[in-house]
PDB file of N, CA and C in Angstrom:
ATOM      1  N   UNK A   1      83.303 198.186 142.609  1.00  0.00           N
ATOM      2  CA  UNK A   1      84.547 198.464 143.079  1.00  0.00           C
ATOM      3  C   UNK A   1      85.526 198.018 142.106  1.00  0.00           C
ATOM      4  N   UNK A   2      86.697 198.802 142.434  1.00  0.00           N
ATOM      5  CA  UNK A   2      87.579 198.566 141.399  1.00  0.00           C
ATOM      6  C   UNK A   2      88.551 197.155 141.708  1.00  0.00           C
ATOM      7  N   UNK A   3      88.752 196.714 140.531  1.00  0.00           N
ATOM      8  CA  UNK A   3      89.665 194.957 140.903  1.00  0.00           C
ATOM      9  C   UNK A   3      90.858 195.204 140.557  1.00  0.00           C
ATOM     10  N   UNK A   4      91.851 194.748 141.512  1.00  0.00           N
ATOM     11  CA  UNK A   4      93.351 194.456 140.458  1.00  0.00           C
ATOM     12  C   UNK A   4      93.480 193.210 140.310  1.00  0.00           C
ATOM     13  N   UNK A   5      94.103 193.300 139.047  1.00  0.00           N
ATOM     14  CA  UNK A   5      94.282 191.959 138.927  1.00  0.00           C
ATOM     15  C   UNK A   5      95.929 191.859 138.508  1.00  0.00           C
ATOM     16  N   UNK A   6      96.763 190.847 138.932  1.00  0.00           N
ATOM     17  CA  UNK A   6      98.168 190.647 138.982  1.00  0.00           C
ATOM     18  C   UNK A   6      98.412 189.680 138.076  1.00  0.00           C
ATOM     19  N   UNK A   7      99.209 190.097 136.860  1.00  0.00           N
ATOM     20  CA  UNK A   7      99.723 188.711 135.977  1.00  0.00           C
ATOM     21  C   UNK A   7     101.153 188.364 136.312  1.00  0.00           C
ATOM     22  N   UNK A   8     101.442 187.507 135.934  1.00  0.00           N
ATOM     23  CA  UNK A   8     102.811 187.137 136.250  1.00  0.00           C
ATOM     24  C   UNK A   8     102.811 186.362 135.004  1.00  0.00           C
ATOM     25  N   UNK A   9     104.009 186.976 134.085  1.00  0.00           N
ATOM     26  CA  UNK A   9     104.073 186.003 132.750  1.00  0.00           C
ATOM     27  C   UNK A   9     105.340 185.938 132.171  1.00  0.00           C
ATOM     28  N   UNK A  10     106.023 185.104 131.554  1.00  0.00           N
ATOM     29  CA  UNK A  10     107.436 185.213 130.713  1.00  0.00           C
ATOM     30  C   UNK A  10     107.046 184.763 129.179  1.00  0.00           C
ATOM     31  N   UNK A  11     107.095 185.741 128.516  1.00  0.00           N
ATOM     32  CA  UNK A  11     107.169 185.746 127.173  1.00  0.00           C
ATOM     33  C   UNK A  11     108.118 184.555 126.648  1.00  0.00           C
ATOM     34  N   UNK A  12     107.437 183.845 125.688  1.00  0.00           N
ATOM     35  CA  UNK A  12     107.938 182.787 124.998  1.00  0.00           C
ATOM     36  C   UNK A  12     108.981 183.603 123.773  1.00  0.00           C
ATOM     37  N   UNK A  13     110.124 183.770 123.809  1.00  0.00           N
ATOM     38  CA  UNK A  13     110.847 184.528 122.853  1.00  0.00           C
ATOM     39  C   UNK A  13     110.990 184.087 121.471  1.00  0.00           C
ATOM     40  N   UNK A  14     110.515 182.740 121.594  1.00  0.00           N
ATOM     41  CA  UNK A  14     110.724 182.123 120.037  1.00  0.00           C
ATOM     42  C   UNK A  14     109.262 181.862 119.361  1.00  0.00           C
ATOM     43  N   UNK A  15     108.376 182.802 119.852  1.00  0.00           N
ATOM     44  CA  UNK A  15     107.087 182.629 119.211  1.00  0.00           C
ATOM     45  C   UNK A  15     106.455 184.138 119.315  1.00  0.00           C
ATOM     46  N   UNK A  16     107.217 185.001 118.627  1.00  0.00           N
ATOM     47  CA  UNK A  16     106.755 186.537 118.237  1.00  0.00           C
ATOM     48  C   UNK A  16     105.416 186.817 117.647  1.00  0.00           C
ATOM     49  N   UNK A  17     105.232 185.712 116.833  1.00  0.00           N
ATOM     50  CA  UNK A  17     104.261 185.492 116.148  1.00  0.00           C
ATOM     51  C   UNK A  17     102.778 185.382 116.795  1.00  0.00           C
ATOM     52  N   UNK A  18     102.747 184.232 117.815  1.00  0.00           N
ATOM     53  CA  UNK A  18     101.405 183.873 118.692  1.00  0.00           C
ATOM     54  C   UNK A  18     101.654 184.976 119.727  1.00  0.00           C
ATOM     55  N   UNK A  19     102.823 185.788 120.335  1.00  0.00           N
ATOM     56  CA  UNK A  19     102.246 187.197 121.160  1.00  0.00           C
ATOM     57  C   UNK A  19     101.740 187.937 120.461  1.00  0.00           C
ATOM     58  N   UNK A  20     101.930 188.373 119.160  1.00  0.00           N
ATOM     59  CA  UNK A  20     101.268 189.553 118.743  1.00  0.00           C
ATOM     60  C   UNK A  20      99.922 189.241 118.153  1.00  0.00           C
ATOM     61  N   UNK A  21      99.636 187.761 117.907  1.00  0.00           N
ATOM     62  CA  UNK A  21      98.273 187.627 117.922  1.00  0.00           C
ATOM     63  C   UNK A  21      97.657 187.621 119.037  1.00  0.00           C
ATOM     64  N   UNK A  22      98.161 187.429 120.113  1.00  0.00           N
ATOM     65  CA  UNK A  22      97.387 187.158 121.645  1.00  0.00           C
ATOM     66  C   UNK A  22      97.449 188.499 121.905  1.00  0.00           C
ATOM     67  N   UNK A  23      98.002 189.269 121.664  1.00  0.00           N
ATOM     68  CA  UNK A  23      97.478 190.662 122.161  1.00  0.00           C
ATOM     69  C   UNK A  23      96.533 191.923 121.098  1.00  0.00           C
ATOM     70  N   UNK A  24      96.878 191.338 119.703  1.00  0.00           N
ATOM     71  CA  UNK A  24      96.032 191.959 119.037  1.00  0.00           C
ATOM     72  C   UNK A  24      94.510 191.226 119.335  1.00  0.00           C
ATOM     73  N   UNK A  25      94.288 190.378 119.805  1.00  0.00           N
ATOM     74  CA  UNK A  25      92.997 189.705 120.120  1.00  0.00           C
ATOM     75  C   UNK A  25      92.310 190.292 121.569  1.00  0.00           C
ATOM     76  N   UNK A  26      93.555 190.120 122.835  1.00  0.00           N
ATOM     77  CA  UNK A  26      93.302 190.544 123.833  1.00  0.00           C
ATOM     78  C   UNK A  26      93.183 192.304 124.124  1.00  0.00           C
ATOM     79  N   UNK A  27      93.635 192.851 123.227  1.00  0.00           N
ATOM     80  CA  UNK A  27      93.760 194.466 123.571  1.00  0.00           C
ATOM     81  C   UNK A  27      92.350 194.922 123.454  1.00  0.00           C
ATOM     82  N   UNK A  28      91.944 194.905 122.282  1.00  0.00           N
ATOM     83  CA  UNK A  28      90.451 195.188 122.655  1.00  0.00           C
ATOM     84  C   UNK A  28      89.563 194.757 123.231  1.00  0.00           C
ATOM     85  N   UNK A  29      89.827 193.530 124.068  1.00  0.00           N
ATOM     86  CA  UNK A  29      88.914 193.031 125.104  1.00  0.00           C
ATOM     87  C   UNK A  29      89.237 193.853 126.451  1.00  0.00           C
ATOM     88  N   UNK A  30      90.542 194.308 126.392  1.00  0.00           N
ATOM     89  CA  UNK A  30      90.958 194.839 127.673  1.00  0.00           C
ATOM     90  C   UNK A  30      90.039 196.303 127.527  1.00  0.00           C
ATOM     91  N   UNK A  31      90.022 196.999 126.346  1.00  0.00           N
ATOM     92  CA  UNK A  31      89.502 198.220 126.410  1.00  0.00           C
ATOM     93  C   UNK A  31      88.371 198.457 126.626  1.00  0.00           C
ATOM     94  N   UNK A  32      87.533 197.314 125.784  1.00  0.00           N
ATOM     95  CA  UNK A  32      86.174 197.108 125.780  1.00  0.00           C
ATOM     96  C   UNK A  32      85.603 196.888 127.391  1.00  0.00           C
ATOM     97  N   UNK A  33      86.459 196.285 128.233  1.00  0.00           N
ATOM     98  CA  UNK A  33      86.247 196.315 129.373  1.00  0.00           C
ATOM     99  C   UNK A  33      86.562 197.188 130.489  1.00  0.00           C
ATOM    100  N   UNK A  34      87.246 198.355 130.137  1.00  0.00           N
ATOM    101  CA  UNK A  34      87.875 199.465 130.883  1.00  0.00           C
ATOM    102  C   UNK A  34      88.744 199.227 131.662  1.00  0.00           C
ATOM    103  N   UNK A  35      89.688 197.953 131.312  1.00  0.00           N
ATOM    104  CA  UNK A  35      90.739 197.674 131.778  1.00  0.00           C
ATOM    105  C   UNK A  35      91.925 198.445 131.497  1.00  0.00           C
ATOM    106  N   UNK A  36      92.634 198.581 132.730  1.00  0.00           N
ATOM    107  CA  UNK A  36      94.146 199.837 132.366  1.00  0.00           C
ATOM    108  C   UNK A  36      95.309 199.267 133.122  1.00  0.00           C
ATOM    109  N   UNK A  37      96.267 198.708 132.202  1.00  0.00           N
ATOM    110  CA  UNK A  37      97.560 198.103 132.513  1.00  0.00           C
ATOM    111  C   UNK A  37      98.355 199.138 133.488  1.00  0.00           C
ATOM    112  N   UNK A  38      98.291 199.330 134.951  1.00  0.00           N
ATOM    113  CA  UNK A  38      98.911 200.644 135.851  1.00  0.00           C
ATOM    114  C   UNK A  38     100.304 200.746 135.911  1.00  0.00           C
ATOM    115  N   UNK A  39     100.718 199.301 136.316  1.00  0.00           N
ATOM    116  CA  UNK A  39     102.227 199.071 136.156  1.00  0.00           C
ATOM    117  C   UNK A  39     102.597 197.858 135.419  1.00  0.00           C
ATOM    118  N   UNK A  40     104.736 197.936 135.407  1.00  0.00           N
ATOM    119  CA  UNK A  40     104.653 196.544 134.809  1.00  0.00           C
ATOM    120  C   UNK A  40     105.907 196.558 135.202  1.00  0.00           C
ATOM    121  N   UNK A  41     106.437 195.811 135.696  1.00  0.00           N
ATOM    122  CA  UNK A  41     107.529 195.585 136.238  1.00  0.00           C
ATOM    123  C   UNK A  41     108.285 193.989 135.861  1.00  0.00           C
ATOM    124  N   UNK A  42     110.055 194.508 135.884  1.00  0.00           N
ATOM    125  CA  UNK A  42     110.599 193.201 135.221  1.00  0.00           C
ATOM    126  C   UNK A  42     111.692 192.583 136.514  1.00  0.00           C
ATOM    127  N   UNK A  43     111.173 191.184 136.709  1.00  0.00           N
ATOM    128  CA  UNK A  43     111.866 190.502 137.688  1.00  0.00           C
ATOM    129  C   UNK A  43     113.295 190.461 137.421  1.00  0.00           C
ATOM    130  N   UNK A  44     114.053 191.435 138.249  1.00  0.00           N
ATOM    131  CA  UNK A  44     115.564 191.170 137.565  1.00  0.00           C
ATOM    132  C   UNK A  44     116.349 190.219 138.627  1.00  0.00           C
ATOM    133  N   UNK A  45     116.091 189.883 139.620  1.00  0.00           N
ATOM    134  CA  UNK A  45     117.150 189.161 140.674  1.00  0.00           C
ATOM    135  C   UNK A  45     115.947 188.772 141.366  1.00  0.00           C
ATOM    136  N   UNK A  46     116.257 187.348 141.873  1.00  0.00           N
ATOM    137  CA  UNK A  46     115.554 186.365 142.885  1.00  0.00           C
ATOM    138  C   UNK A  46     116.521 186.506 144.233  1.00  0.00           C
ATOM    139  N   UNK A  47     115.879 186.883 145.302  1.00  0.00           N
ATOM    140  CA  UNK A  47     116.568 187.006 146.581  1.00  0.00           C
ATOM    141  C   UNK A  47     116.646 185.499 147.386  1.00  0.00           C
ATOM    142  N   UNK A  48     115.097 185.266 147.525  1.00  0.00           N
ATOM    143  CA  UNK A  48     114.941 183.863 147.918  1.00  0.00           C
ATOM    144  C   UNK A  48     114.057 182.730 146.929  1.00  0.00           C
ATOM    145  N   UNK A  49     114.291 181.706 146.648  1.00  0.00           N
ATOM    146  CA  UNK A  49     113.342 180.903 146.151  1.00  0.00           C
ATOM    147  C   UNK A  49     113.916 181.142 144.591  1.00  0.00           C
ATOM    148  N   UNK A  50     112.724 180.745 143.772  1.00  0.00           N
ATOM    149  CA  UNK A  50     112.889 181.113 142.212  1.00  0.00           C
ATOM    150  C   UNK A  50     111.906 181.946 141.905  1.00  0.00           C
ATOM    151  N   UNK A  51     112.425 182.153 140.662  1.00  0.00           N
ATOM    152  CA  UNK A  51     111.785 183.584 139.884  1.00  0.00           C
ATOM    153  C   UNK A  51     110.417 182.779 139.209  1.00  0.00           C
ATOM    154  N   UNK A  52     109.107 183.582 139.991  1.00  0.00           N
ATOM    155  CA  UNK A  52     108.038 183.103 139.478  1.00  0.00           C
ATOM    156  C   UNK A  52     107.609 183.675 137.975  1.00  0.00           C
ATOM    157  N   UNK A  53     108.197 184.632 137.300  1.00  0.00           N
ATOM    158  CA  UNK A  53     108.001 184.953 136.058  1.00  0.00           C
ATOM    159  C   UNK A  53     108.719 185.960 135.938  1.00  0.00           C
ATOM    160  N   UNK A  54     109.105 186.097 134.543  1.00  0.00           N
ATOM    161  CA  UNK A  54     109.919 187.483 134.047  1.00  0.00           C
ATOM    162  C   UNK A  54     109.509 188.935 134.245  1.00  0.00           C
ATOM    163  N   UNK A  55     107.819 188.853 134.028  1.00  0.00           N
ATOM    164  CA  UNK A  55     107.202 190.312 134.031  1.00  0.00           C
ATOM    165  C   UNK A  55     105.939 190.307 135.420  1.00  0.00           C
ATOM    166  N   UNK A  56     106.195 191.093 135.519  1.00  0.00           N
ATOM    167  CA  UNK A  56     104.592 191.273 136.330  1.00  0.00           C
ATOM    168  C   UNK A  56     104.094 192.424 135.941  1.00  0.00           C
ATOM    169  N   UNK A  57     102.864 192.102 135.866  1.00  0.00           N
ATOM    170  CA  UNK A  57     101.815 193.128 135.300  1.00  0.00           C
ATOM    171  C   UNK A  57     100.443 193.788 136.752  1.00  0.00           C
ATOM    172  N   UNK A  58     100.409 194.870 136.659  1.00  0.00           N
ATOM    173  CA  UNK A  58      99.030 195.320 137.913  1.00  0.00           C
ATOM    174  C   UNK A  58      98.132 195.463 136.730  1.00  0.00           C
ATOM    175  N   UNK A  59      96.832 195.451 136.802  1.00  0.00           N
ATOM    176  CA  UNK A  59      95.757 195.888 135.612  1.00  0.00           C
ATOM    177  C   UNK A  59      94.673 195.866 136.690  1.00  0.00           C
ATOM    178  N   UNK A  60      94.069 197.314 136.780  1.00  0.00           N
ATOM    179  CA  UNK A  60      92.920 197.583 137.211  1.00  0.00           C
ATOM    180  C   UNK A  60      91.594 197.680 136.282  1.00  0.00           C
ATOM    181  N   UNK A  61      90.705 196.768 136.806  1.00  0.00           N
ATOM    182  CA  UNK A  61      89.485 196.537 136.008  1.00  0.00           C
ATOM    183  C   UNK A  61      88.203 197.480 136.907  1.00  0.00           C
ATOM    184  N   UNK A  62      87.251 197.828 136.136  1.00  0.00           N
ATOM    185  CA  UNK A  62      85.891 198.784 136.688  1.00  0.00           C
ATOM    186  C   UNK A  62      85.300 197.790 137.968  1.00  0.00           C
ATOM    187  N   UNK A  63      85.127 196.636 137.806  1.00  0.00           N
ATOM    188  CA  UNK A  63      84.731 195.653 138.708  1.00  0.00           C
ATOM    189  C   UNK A  63      84.813 194.327 138.336  1.00  0.00           C
ATOM    190  N   UNK A  64      84.617 193.227 139.014  1.00  0.00           N
ATOM    191  CA  UNK A  64      84.644 191.614 138.868  1.00  0.00           C
ATOM    192  C   UNK A  64      83.966 191.523 137.696  1.00  0.00           C
ATOM    193  N   UNK A  65      82.916 191.930 137.319  1.00  0.00           N
ATOM    194  CA  UNK A  65      82.087 191.714 136.043  1.00  0.00           C
ATOM    195  C   UNK A  65      82.605 192.008 134.856  1.00  0.00           C
ATOM    196  N   UNK A  66      83.861 193.032 134.948  1.00  0.00           N
ATOM    197  CA  UNK A  66      84.696 193.579 133.609  1.00  0.00           C
ATOM    198  C   UNK A  66      85.635 192.394 133.379  1.00  0.00           C
ATOM    199  N   UNK A  67      86.145 191.849 134.426  1.00  0.00           N
ATOM    200  CA  UNK A  67      87.309 190.826 134.567  1.00  0.00           C
ATOM    201  C   UNK A  67      86.853 189.513 134.015  1.00  0.00           C
ATOM    202  N   UNK A  68      85.573 189.339 134.570  1.00  0.00           N
ATOM    203  CA  UNK A  68      84.776 188.251 133.824  1.00  0.00           C
ATOM    204  C   UNK A  68      84.497 188.301 132.374  1.00  0.00           C
ATOM    205  N   UNK A  69      84.315 189.582 132.015  1.00  0.00           N
ATOM    206  CA  UNK A  69      83.817 189.741 130.513  1.00  0.00           C
ATOM    207  C   UNK A  69      84.978 189.846 129.926  1.00  0.00           C
ATOM    208  N   UNK A  70      86.563 189.720 130.170  1.00  0.00           N
ATOM    209  CA  UNK A  70      87.465 189.314 129.163  1.00  0.00           C
ATOM    210  C   UNK A  70      87.701 188.057 129.314  1.00  0.00           C
ATOM    211  N   UNK A  71      87.860 187.048 130.521  1.00  0.00           N
ATOM    212  CA  UNK A  71      88.521 186.001 130.769  1.00  0.00           C
ATOM    213  C   UNK A  71      87.428 184.758 130.391  1.00  0.00           C
ATOM    214  N   UNK A  72      86.384 185.605 130.171  1.00  0.00           N
ATOM    215  CA  UNK A  72      85.126 184.476 129.958  1.00  0.00           C
ATOM    216  C   UNK A  72      84.324 184.642 128.823  1.00  0.00           C
ATOM    217  N   UNK A  73      84.819 185.499 127.669  1.00  0.00           N
ATOM    218  CA  UNK A  73      84.581 186.086 126.497  1.00  0.00           C
ATOM    219  C   UNK A  73      85.073 184.619 125.551  1.00  0.00           C
ATOM    220  N   UNK A  74      83.945 184.375 124.474  1.00  0.00           N
ATOM    221  CA  UNK A  74      84.449 183.502 123.650  1.00  0.00           C
ATOM    222  C   UNK A  74      85.816 183.950 122.864  1.00  0.00           C
ATOM    223  N   UNK A  75      86.115 185.081 122.588  1.00  0.00           N
ATOM    224  CA  UNK A  75      87.085 185.762 122.106  1.00  0.00           C
ATOM    225  C   UNK A  75      88.376 185.027 122.679  1.00  0.00           C
ATOM    226  N   UNK A  76      88.407 185.521 124.250  1.00  0.00           N
ATOM    227  CA  UNK A  76      89.922 185.092 124.719  1.00  0.00           C
ATOM    228  C   UNK A  76      89.463 183.268 124.856  1.00  0.00           C
ATOM    229  N   UNK A  77      88.694 182.737 125.094  1.00  0.00           N
ATOM    230  CA  UNK A  77      88.659 181.288 125.028  1.00  0.00           C
ATOM    231  C   UNK A  77      89.402 180.866 123.799  1.00  0.00           C
ATOM    232  N   UNK A  78      89.171 181.554 122.818  1.00  0.00           N
ATOM    233  CA  UNK A  78      89.530 180.944 121.259  1.00  0.00           C
ATOM    234  C   UNK A  78      91.294 181.175 121.389  1.00  0.00           C
ATOM    235  N   UNK A  79      91.334 182.220 122.291  1.00  0.00           N
ATOM    236  CA  UNK A  79      92.908 182.545 121.899  1.00  0.00           C
ATOM    237  C   UNK A  79      93.495 181.468 122.988  1.00  0.00           C
ATOM    238  N   UNK A  80      93.345 180.877 123.905  1.00  0.00           N
ATOM    239  CA  UNK A  80      93.898 179.841 124.862  1.00  0.00           C
ATOM    240  C   UNK A  80      95.283 179.415 124.303  1.00  0.00           C
ATOM    241  N   UNK A  81      95.156 178.208 123.165  1.00  0.00           N
ATOM    242  CA  UNK A  81      96.227 177.609 122.455  1.00  0.00           C
ATOM    243  C   UNK A  81      97.171 178.653 122.200  1.00  0.00           C
ATOM    244  N   UNK A  82      96.885 179.684 121.904  1.00  0.00           N
ATOM    245  CA  UNK A  82      97.715 181.092 121.197  1.00  0.00           C
ATOM    246  C   UNK A  82      98.461 181.388 122.260  1.00  0.00           C
ATOM    247  N   UNK A  83      97.818 181.845 123.251  1.00  0.00           N
ATOM    248  CA  UNK A  83      98.331 181.956 124.691  1.00  0.00           C
ATOM    249  C   UNK A  83      99.375 181.147 125.199  1.00  0.00           C
ATOM    250  N   UNK A  84      99.274 179.948 125.276  1.00  0.00           N
ATOM    251  CA  UNK A  84     100.081 179.071 125.376  1.00  0.00           C
ATOM    252  C   UNK A  84     101.131 178.662 124.553  1.00  0.00           C
ATOM    253  N   UNK A  85     101.361 179.080 123.481  1.00  0.00           N
ATOM    254  CA  UNK A  85     102.620 179.240 122.756  1.00  0.00           C
ATOM    255  C   UNK A  85     103.275 180.616 123.031  1.00  0.00           C
ATOM    256  N   UNK A  86     102.511 181.707 122.785  1.00  0.00           N
ATOM    257  CA  UNK A  86     103.367 183.034 123.714  1.00  0.00           C
ATOM    258  C   UNK A  86     103.919 183.202 124.600  1.00  0.00           C
ATOM    259  N   UNK A  87     103.269 182.420 125.724  1.00  0.00           N
ATOM    260  CA  UNK A  87     103.793 182.500 127.216  1.00  0.00           C
ATOM    261  C   UNK A  87     104.662 181.213 127.537  1.00  0.00           C
ATOM    262  N   UNK A  88     105.549 181.410 128.211  1.00  0.00           N
ATOM    263  CA  UNK A  88     106.166 180.050 128.957  1.00  0.00           C
ATOM    264  C   UNK A  88     105.676 179.910 130.343  1.00  0.00           C
ATOM    265  N   UNK A  89     105.406 180.912 130.930  1.00  0.00           N
ATOM    266  CA  UNK A  89     104.739 181.209 132.115  1.00  0.00           C
ATOM    267  C   UNK A  89     103.290 182.306 132.037  1.00  0.00           C
ATOM    268  N   UNK A  90     102.105 181.968 132.384  1.00  0.00           N
ATOM    269  CA  UNK A  90     101.190 182.701 132.401  1.00  0.00           C
ATOM    270  C   UNK A  90     100.178 182.246 133.761  1.00  0.00           C
ATOM    271  N   UNK A  91     100.181 183.443 134.720  1.00  0.00           N
ATOM    272  CA  UNK A  91      99.242 183.273 135.859  1.00  0.00           C
ATOM    273  C   UNK A  91      98.887 184.726 136.000  1.00  0.00           C
ATOM    274  N   UNK A  92      97.476 184.411 136.302  1.00  0.00           N
ATOM    275  CA  UNK A  92      96.443 185.680 136.352  1.00  0.00           C
ATOM    276  C   UNK A  92      95.833 185.423 137.991  1.00  0.00           C
ATOM    277  N   UNK A  93      96.267 186.549 138.630  1.00  0.00           N
ATOM    278  CA  UNK A  93      95.238 186.537 140.187  1.00  0.00           C
ATOM    279  C   UNK A  93      94.608 187.760 140.239  1.00  0.00           C
ATOM    280  N   UNK A  94      93.320 187.559 140.968  1.00  0.00           N
ATOM    281  CA  UNK A  94      92.811 188.926 141.521  1.00  0.00           C
ATOM    282  C   UNK A  94      93.469 189.211 142.971  1.00  0.00           C
ATOM    283  N   UNK A  95      94.065 190.559 143.228  1.00  0.00           N
ATOM    284  CA  UNK A  95      94.396 190.697 144.313  1.00  0.00           C
ATOM    285  C   UNK A  95      93.506 191.769 145.100  1.00  0.00           C
ATOM    286  N   UNK A  96      93.763 192.043 146.593  1.00  0.00           N
ATOM    287  CA  UNK A  96      93.132 192.623 147.287  1.00  0.00           C
ATOM    288  C   UNK A  96      93.736 193.425 147.671  1.00  0.00           C
ATOM    289  N   UNK A  97      93.735 195.213 147.907  1.00  0.00           N
ATOM    290  CA  UNK A  97      94.235 196.182 148.521  1.00  0.00           C
ATOM    291  C   UNK A  97      93.871 196.028 150.257  1.00  0.00           C
ATOM    292  N   UNK A  98      94.979 195.622 150.719  1.00  0.00           N
ATOM    293  CA  UNK A  98      94.659 195.250 152.293  1.00  0.00           C
ATOM    294  C   UNK A  98      94.448 196.794 153.207  1.00  0.00           C
ATOM    295  N   UNK A  99      95.097 197.717 152.592  1.00  0.00           N
ATOM    296  CA  UNK A  99      94.863 199.176 153.333  1.00  0.00           C
ATOM    297  C   UNK A  99      93.191 199.616 152.986  1.00  0.00           C
ATOM    298  N   UNK A 100      93.105 199.219 151.714  1.00  0.00           N
ATOM    299  CA  UNK A 100      91.569 199.649 151.039  1.00  0.00           C
ATOM    300  C   UNK A 100      90.765 198.961 152.120  1.00  0.00           C
ATOM    301  N   UNK A 101      90.704 198.061 152.074  1.00  0.00           N
ATOM    302  CA  UNK A 101      89.682 196.935 152.987  1.00  0.00           C
ATOM    303  C   UNK A 101      89.733 197.407 154.107  1.00  0.00           C
ATOM    304  N   UNK A 102      90.801 197.861 154.694  1.00  0.00           N
ATOM    305  CA  UNK A 102      90.837 198.687 156.137  1.00  0.00           C
ATOM    306  C   UNK A 102      90.256 199.575 156.361  1.00  0.00           C
ATOM    307  N   UNK A 103      90.186 200.410 155.563  1.00  0.00           N
ATOM    308  CA  UNK A 103      89.806 201.672 155.312  1.00  0.00           C
ATOM    309  C   UNK A 103      88.148 201.434 155.228  1.00  0.00           C
ATOM    310  N   UNK A 104      87.737 200.612 154.203  1.00  0.00           N
ATOM    311  CA  UNK A 104      86.365 200.206 154.203  1.00  0.00           C
ATOM    312  C   UNK A 104      85.789 199.814 155.594  1.00  0.00           C
ATOM    313  N   UNK A 105      86.406 198.873 156.337  1.00  0.00           N
ATOM    314  CA  UNK A 105      85.892 198.161 157.351  1.00  0.00           C
ATOM    315  C   UNK A 105      85.822 199.415 158.803  1.00  0.00           C
ATOM    316  N   UNK A 106      86.775 200.448 158.438  1.00  0.00           N
ATOM    317  CA  UNK A 106      86.590 201.360 159.590  1.00  0.00           C
ATOM    318  C   UNK A 106      85.579 202.446 159.054  1.00  0.00           C
ATOM    319  N   UNK A 107      85.103 202.687 157.850  1.00  0.00           N
ATOM    320  CA  UNK A 107      83.974 203.429 157.853  1.00  0.00           C
ATOM    321  C   UNK A 107      82.834 202.703 157.938  1.00  0.00           C
ATOM    322  N   UNK A 108      82.776 201.485 157.621  1.00  0.00           N
ATOM    323  CA  UNK A 108      81.452 200.868 158.173  1.00  0.00           C
ATOM    324  C   UNK A 108      81.275 201.013 159.503  1.00  0.00           C
ATOM    325  N   UNK A 109      82.313 200.596 160.491  1.00  0.00           N
ATOM    326  CA  UNK A 109      82.297 200.593 161.538  1.00  0.00           C
ATOM    327  C   UNK A 109      81.955 201.877 162.366  1.00  0.00           C
ATOM    328  N   UNK A 110      82.137 202.913 161.392  1.00  0.00           N
ATOM    329  CA  UNK A 110      81.699 204.361 162.354  1.00  0.00           C
ATOM    330  C   UNK A 110      80.684 204.866 161.968  1.00  0.00           C
ATOM    331  N   UNK A 111      79.930 204.045 161.042  1.00  0.00           N
ATOM    332  CA  UNK A 111      78.425 204.263 160.250  1.00  0.00           C
ATOM    333  C   UNK A 111      77.347 204.431 161.387  1.00  0.00           C
TER     334      UNK A 111
END
């Protein structure tokens, strides 16, 4: 089943080399896993609270194993220090599509 990952990030503008190196390593990892960046948003204004990050990205993976193949890989583990230089904020979460889950439950209930 497709897995949706939400990344909340803020690029560290003072570290362009680190950012380039991070993408040089992670780009092929995403490609091998069959991941696709579906949508990218810039947070322009905060209505309530504080801005969690400057950029929000939605990434689709074919399944949970594909997510783990990226973040659990030796290549990704080796780039963590560079990641921490490239981004001032970096949060990645798995999200569920509640509408799809409701449809799946309804399909099971009628079976």
